[in-house]
Amino acid sequence: MEQAERTQLIERHLDLSRRAAAMVFPRVRDHIEFDELVALANAGLAEAASRYDPTKGASFNTFAWYRVHGAIIDGIRRNTNLPRRVWAKLVALRAASDYLEHRGERDQGAAQQGVAPASGPDALAAIKEAMAAIRTMYVTSLETLQEKGFDPGGETPNVAEGIDVQRLGARIRVAIEKLPDKERELVKKHYWEGKNLLEAGAELGISKSWASRLHAQAVDRLRKVIDDD
């Protein structure tokens, strides 16, 4: 694509930046202004436009959404000092976005090889799996805080739910230690240290795409802990 076309992409999708900022803002309104989030989102939008390849099959909306979302959260991490419970929610939100992006790329690759996309009950089952994985990521984030001295039961509205989160968190801790070495280290860097997949992958000597695949595999393994529960 020519530079003029990429500039037009950015101009036509500025509303995407505002939507992504609006999604994150309720979680951080006490710590950062909305316009600052939009500025971070616009930087992510510009990066997405510079990397977009229309021959890959994904629409620009889909391709850009995950990068804009990640740019907002990474920018918040660099520029603000959030309370730990707020940061845990953002870690889970970003991890969910990473996971769903990988699923989308995997499904797109299968479609290019002639495999029909899931529909009906199969599509609903896939959505349920994704939601279970997102829940796993959030519990994992709370478990991270518990290791640092914050009681994750305080995130829940009643004692019974707090106990449930702590029990699941304990099971996930054991499951994480049983992950293959690279997956375990990636999960710890992503959740415990708050690094994005690009940063975590670089420290492990692997590409961002391979880190994304390992992350999805780890999440699927950890999801089974919650499903079995």
Protein backbone atom coordinates (compact mmCIF):
# COMPACT_ATOMS: atom_id res chain seq x y z
CA MET A 1 0.00 0.00 0.00
CA GLU A 2 1.13 3.55 -0.75
CA GLN A 3 1.62 6.02 2.10
CA ALA A 4 -1.38 8.06 0.92
CA GLU A 5 -3.59 4.98 1.22
CA ARG A 6 -2.34 4.30 4.73
CA THR A 7 -3.02 7.90 5.72
CA GLN A 8 -6.57 7.52 4.43
CA LEU A 9 -6.95 4.32 6.47
CA ILE A 10 -6.04 6.24 9.61
CA GLU A 11 -8.41 9.11 8.84
CA ARG A 12 -11.32 6.76 8.10
CA HIS A 13 -10.85 4.82 11.32
CA LEU A 14 -10.32 7.52 13.94
CA ASP A 15 -13.64 6.46 15.47
CA LEU A 16 -12.06 3.07 16.18
CA SER A 17 -9.49 4.81 18.40
CA ARG A 18 -12.23 6.57 20.35
CA ARG A 19 -14.22 3.35 20.78
CA ALA A 20 -11.15 1.52 22.10
CA ALA A 21 -10.36 4.39 24.46
CA ALA A 22 -13.96 4.45 25.67
CA MET A 23 -13.77 0.74 26.44
CA VAL A 24 -10.74 1.18 28.72
CA PHE A 25 -11.59 4.57 30.23
CA PRO A 26 -14.15 3.41 32.87
CA ARG A 27 -11.42 1.26 34.43
CA VAL A 28 -8.84 4.07 34.69
CA ARG A 29 -10.88 7.29 34.82
CA ASP A 30 -9.39 8.23 38.20
CA HIS A 31 -5.84 7.99 36.86
CA ILE A 32 -5.74 9.23 33.26
CA GLU A 33 -7.74 11.58 31.03
CA PHE A 34 -9.84 10.28 28.16
CA ASP A 35 -8.00 12.43 25.62
CA GLU A 36 -4.72 10.84 26.71
CA LEU A 37 -6.19 7.41 25.98
CA VAL A 38 -7.32 8.60 22.56
CA ALA A 39 -3.80 9.85 21.82
CA LEU A 40 -2.37 6.44 22.74
CA ALA A 41 -5.02 4.77 20.60
CA ASN A 42 -4.20 6.98 17.62
CA ALA A 43 -0.53 6.00 17.90
CA GLY A 44 -1.60 2.37 17.79
CA LEU A 45 -3.83 3.10 14.80
CA ALA A 46 -0.90 4.65 12.92
CA GLU A 47 1.25 1.61 13.68
CA ALA A 48 -1.53 -0.71 12.48
CA ALA A 49 -1.83 1.24 9.23
CA SER A 50 1.93 0.98 8.65
CA ARG A 51 1.84 -2.81 9.08
CA TYR A 52 -1.48 -3.68 7.43
CA ASP A 53 -1.38 -6.06 4.47
CA PRO A 54 -4.80 -6.33 2.75
CA THR A 55 -3.70 -9.50 0.92
CA LYS A 56 -3.76 -11.42 4.23
CA GLY A 57 -7.57 -11.42 4.22
CA ALA A 58 -8.36 -9.66 7.51
CA SER A 59 -10.26 -6.38 7.40
CA PHE A 60 -8.41 -3.32 8.64
CA ASN A 61 -11.00 -2.89 11.43
CA THR A 62 -10.15 -6.33 12.81
CA PHE A 63 -6.41 -6.01 12.27
CA ALA A 64 -6.23 -2.56 13.86
CA TRP A 65 -8.49 -3.20 16.85
CA TYR A 66 -6.07 -5.46 18.70
CA ARG A 67 -3.09 -3.20 18.03
CA VAL A 68 -4.95 -0.07 19.10
CA HIS A 69 -6.14 -1.79 22.24
CA GLY A 70 -2.63 -3.01 23.06
CA ALA A 71 -1.14 0.44 22.43
CA ILE A 72 -3.52 1.97 24.98
CA ILE A 73 -2.68 -0.53 27.70
CA ASP A 74 1.06 -0.45 27.05
CA GLY A 75 0.96 3.35 27.11
CA ILE A 76 -0.87 3.32 30.44
CA ARG A 77 1.73 0.95 31.85
CA ARG A 78 4.57 3.28 30.82
CA ASN A 79 2.97 6.54 31.88
CA THR A 80 0.90 5.92 34.99
CA ASN A 81 1.21 4.24 38.37
CA LEU A 82 -2.05 2.33 38.67
CA PRO A 83 -3.28 0.55 41.79
CA ARG A 84 -2.56 -3.15 41.56
CA ARG A 85 -6.20 -4.22 41.32
CA VAL A 86 -6.80 -1.83 38.39
CA TRP A 87 -3.69 -3.08 36.64
CA ALA A 88 -4.82 -6.71 37.10
CA LYS A 89 -8.01 -5.97 35.21
CA LEU A 90 -6.08 -4.33 32.38
CA VAL A 91 -3.65 -7.26 32.19
CA ALA A 92 -6.62 -9.61 31.82
CA LEU A 93 -8.23 -7.35 29.23
CA ARG A 94 -5.06 -7.19 27.13
CA ALA A 95 -4.46 -10.94 27.49
CA ALA A 96 -8.03 -11.60 26.34
CA SER A 97 -7.41 -9.41 23.31
CA ASP A 98 -4.15 -11.26 22.55
CA TYR A 99 -5.90 -14.61 22.83
CA LEU A 100 -8.83 -13.64 20.61
CA GLU A 101 -6.47 -12.15 18.03
CA HIS A 102 -4.62 -15.47 17.85
CA ARG A 103 -7.89 -17.37 17.47
CA GLY A 104 -8.90 -15.07 14.64
CA GLU A 105 -5.58 -15.54 12.84
CA ARG A 106 -5.80 -19.31 13.31
CA ASP A 107 -9.34 -19.43 11.91
CA GLN A 108 -8.33 -17.20 9.01
CA GLY A 109 -5.42 -19.51 8.19
CA ALA A 110 -7.73 -22.52 8.25
CA ALA A 111 -10.18 -20.76 5.93
CA GLN A 112 -7.38 -20.05 3.44
CA GLN A 113 -6.70 -23.78 3.39
CA GLY A 114 -10.33 -24.54 2.54
CA VAL A 115 -11.57 -25.37 6.04
CA ALA A 116 -15.09 -23.98 6.50
CA PRO A 117 -15.55 -21.60 9.46
CA ALA A 118 -17.49 -22.88 12.44
CA SER A 119 -21.21 -22.17 12.45
CA GLY A 120 -24.24 -22.92 14.58
CA PRO A 121 -23.47 -25.00 17.70
CA ASP A 122 -19.79 -25.22 16.72
CA ALA A 123 -19.50 -21.43 16.60
CA LEU A 124 -21.25 -21.09 19.96
CA ALA A 125 -18.92 -23.68 21.47
CA ALA A 126 -15.93 -21.73 20.18
CA ILE A 127 -17.27 -18.53 21.78
CA LYS A 128 -17.82 -20.32 25.08
CA GLU A 129 -14.25 -21.61 24.97
CA ALA A 130 -12.98 -18.08 24.38
CA MET A 131 -15.04 -16.71 27.28
CA ALA A 132 -13.76 -19.47 29.57
CA ALA A 133 -10.21 -18.59 28.54
CA ILE A 134 -10.81 -14.91 29.31
CA ARG A 135 -12.12 -15.86 32.74
CA THR A 136 -9.00 -17.95 33.28
CA MET A 137 -6.82 -14.98 32.40
CA TYR A 138 -8.60 -12.75 34.91
CA VAL A 139 -8.25 -15.30 37.71
CA THR A 140 -4.59 -15.68 36.79
CA SER A 141 -4.16 -11.90 37.11
CA LEU A 142 -5.73 -11.97 40.57
CA GLU A 143 -3.45 -14.84 41.52
CA THR A 144 -0.53 -12.65 40.49
CA LEU A 145 -1.64 -10.00 42.95
CA GLN A 146 -2.06 -12.52 45.73
CA GLU A 147 1.59 -13.50 45.31
CA LYS A 148 2.47 -9.82 45.79
CA GLY A 149 0.46 -9.56 48.99
CA PHE A 150 -2.94 -8.37 47.72
CA ASP A 151 -5.95 -10.51 48.68
CA PRO A 152 -7.94 -11.18 45.47
CA GLY A 153 -11.02 -11.92 47.55
CA GLY A 154 -11.35 -8.15 47.92
CA GLU A 155 -12.20 -7.96 44.21
CA THR A 156 -15.44 -9.88 44.70
CA PRO A 157 -18.75 -8.70 46.23
CA ASN A 158 -19.15 -11.38 48.87
CA VAL A 159 -17.14 -13.83 50.95
CA ALA A 160 -18.29 -16.95 49.08
CA GLU A 161 -17.10 -15.58 45.75
CA GLY A 162 -13.83 -14.43 47.30
CA ILE A 163 -13.17 -17.95 48.59
CA ASP A 164 -14.00 -19.35 45.15
CA VAL A 165 -11.49 -17.07 43.44
CA GLN A 166 -8.79 -17.97 45.95
CA ARG A 167 -9.46 -21.69 45.52
CA LEU A 168 -9.30 -21.44 41.73
CA GLY A 169 -6.22 -19.25 41.98
CA ALA A 170 -4.46 -21.90 44.05
CA ARG A 171 -5.28 -24.56 41.46
CA ILE A 172 -4.06 -22.33 38.64
CA ARG A 173 -0.79 -21.72 40.51
CA VAL A 174 -0.17 -25.48 40.55
CA ALA A 175 -1.20 -25.80 36.89
CA ILE A 176 1.15 -22.99 35.83
CA GLU A 177 4.11 -24.78 37.39
CA LYS A 178 3.22 -27.86 35.31
CA LEU A 179 3.21 -25.98 32.00
CA PRO A 180 6.03 -26.64 29.50
CA ASP A 181 9.02 -24.43 30.30
CA LYS A 182 8.54 -21.78 27.59
CA GLU A 183 4.79 -21.50 28.22
CA ARG A 184 5.33 -21.17 31.96
CA GLU A 185 7.94 -18.43 31.58
CA LEU A 186 5.80 -16.60 29.05
CA VAL A 187 2.74 -16.67 31.34
CA LYS A 188 4.78 -15.35 34.26
CA LYS A 189 6.27 -12.52 32.21
CA HIS A 190 2.87 -11.63 30.72
CA TYR A 191 0.88 -11.71 33.98
CA TRP A 192 3.34 -11.42 36.85
CA GLU A 193 5.54 -8.78 35.20
CA GLY A 194 2.87 -7.14 33.01
CA LYS A 195 4.93 -7.40 29.80
CA ASN A 196 3.19 -7.58 26.44
CA LEU A 197 3.75 -10.63 24.23
CA LEU A 198 6.30 -8.84 22.06
CA GLU A 199 8.44 -7.93 25.10
CA ALA A 200 7.99 -11.31 26.79
CA GLY A 201 8.80 -13.16 23.57
CA ALA A 202 11.93 -11.08 22.99
CA GLU A 203 13.22 -11.96 26.46
CA LEU A 204 12.63 -15.65 25.70
CA GLY A 205 14.25 -15.40 22.26
CA ILE A 206 11.07 -16.05 20.27
CA SER A 207 9.00 -13.99 17.83
CA LYS A 208 5.78 -12.21 18.74
CA SER A 209 3.74 -14.62 16.60
CA TRP A 210 5.29 -17.62 18.32
CA ALA A 211 4.73 -16.01 21.73
CA SER A 212 1.09 -15.50 20.76
CA ARG A 213 0.77 -19.18 19.89
CA LEU A 214 2.41 -20.30 23.14
CA HIS A 215 0.18 -17.93 25.11
CA ALA A 216 -2.97 -19.38 23.49
CA GLN A 217 -1.78 -22.92 24.21
CA ALA A 218 -1.06 -22.04 27.84
CA VAL A 219 -4.46 -20.40 28.25
CA ASP A 220 -6.21 -23.47 26.82
CA ARG A 221 -4.35 -25.69 29.28
CA LEU A 222 -5.23 -23.40 32.19
CA ARG A 223 -8.84 -23.13 31.02
CA LYS A 224 -9.24 -26.85 31.63
CA VAL A 225 -8.44 -26.27 35.29
CA ILE A 226 -11.48 -24.02 35.59
CA ASP A 227 -13.65 -26.22 33.38
CA ASP A 228 -12.83 -29.25 35.53
CA ASP A 229 -13.69 -27.23 38.61
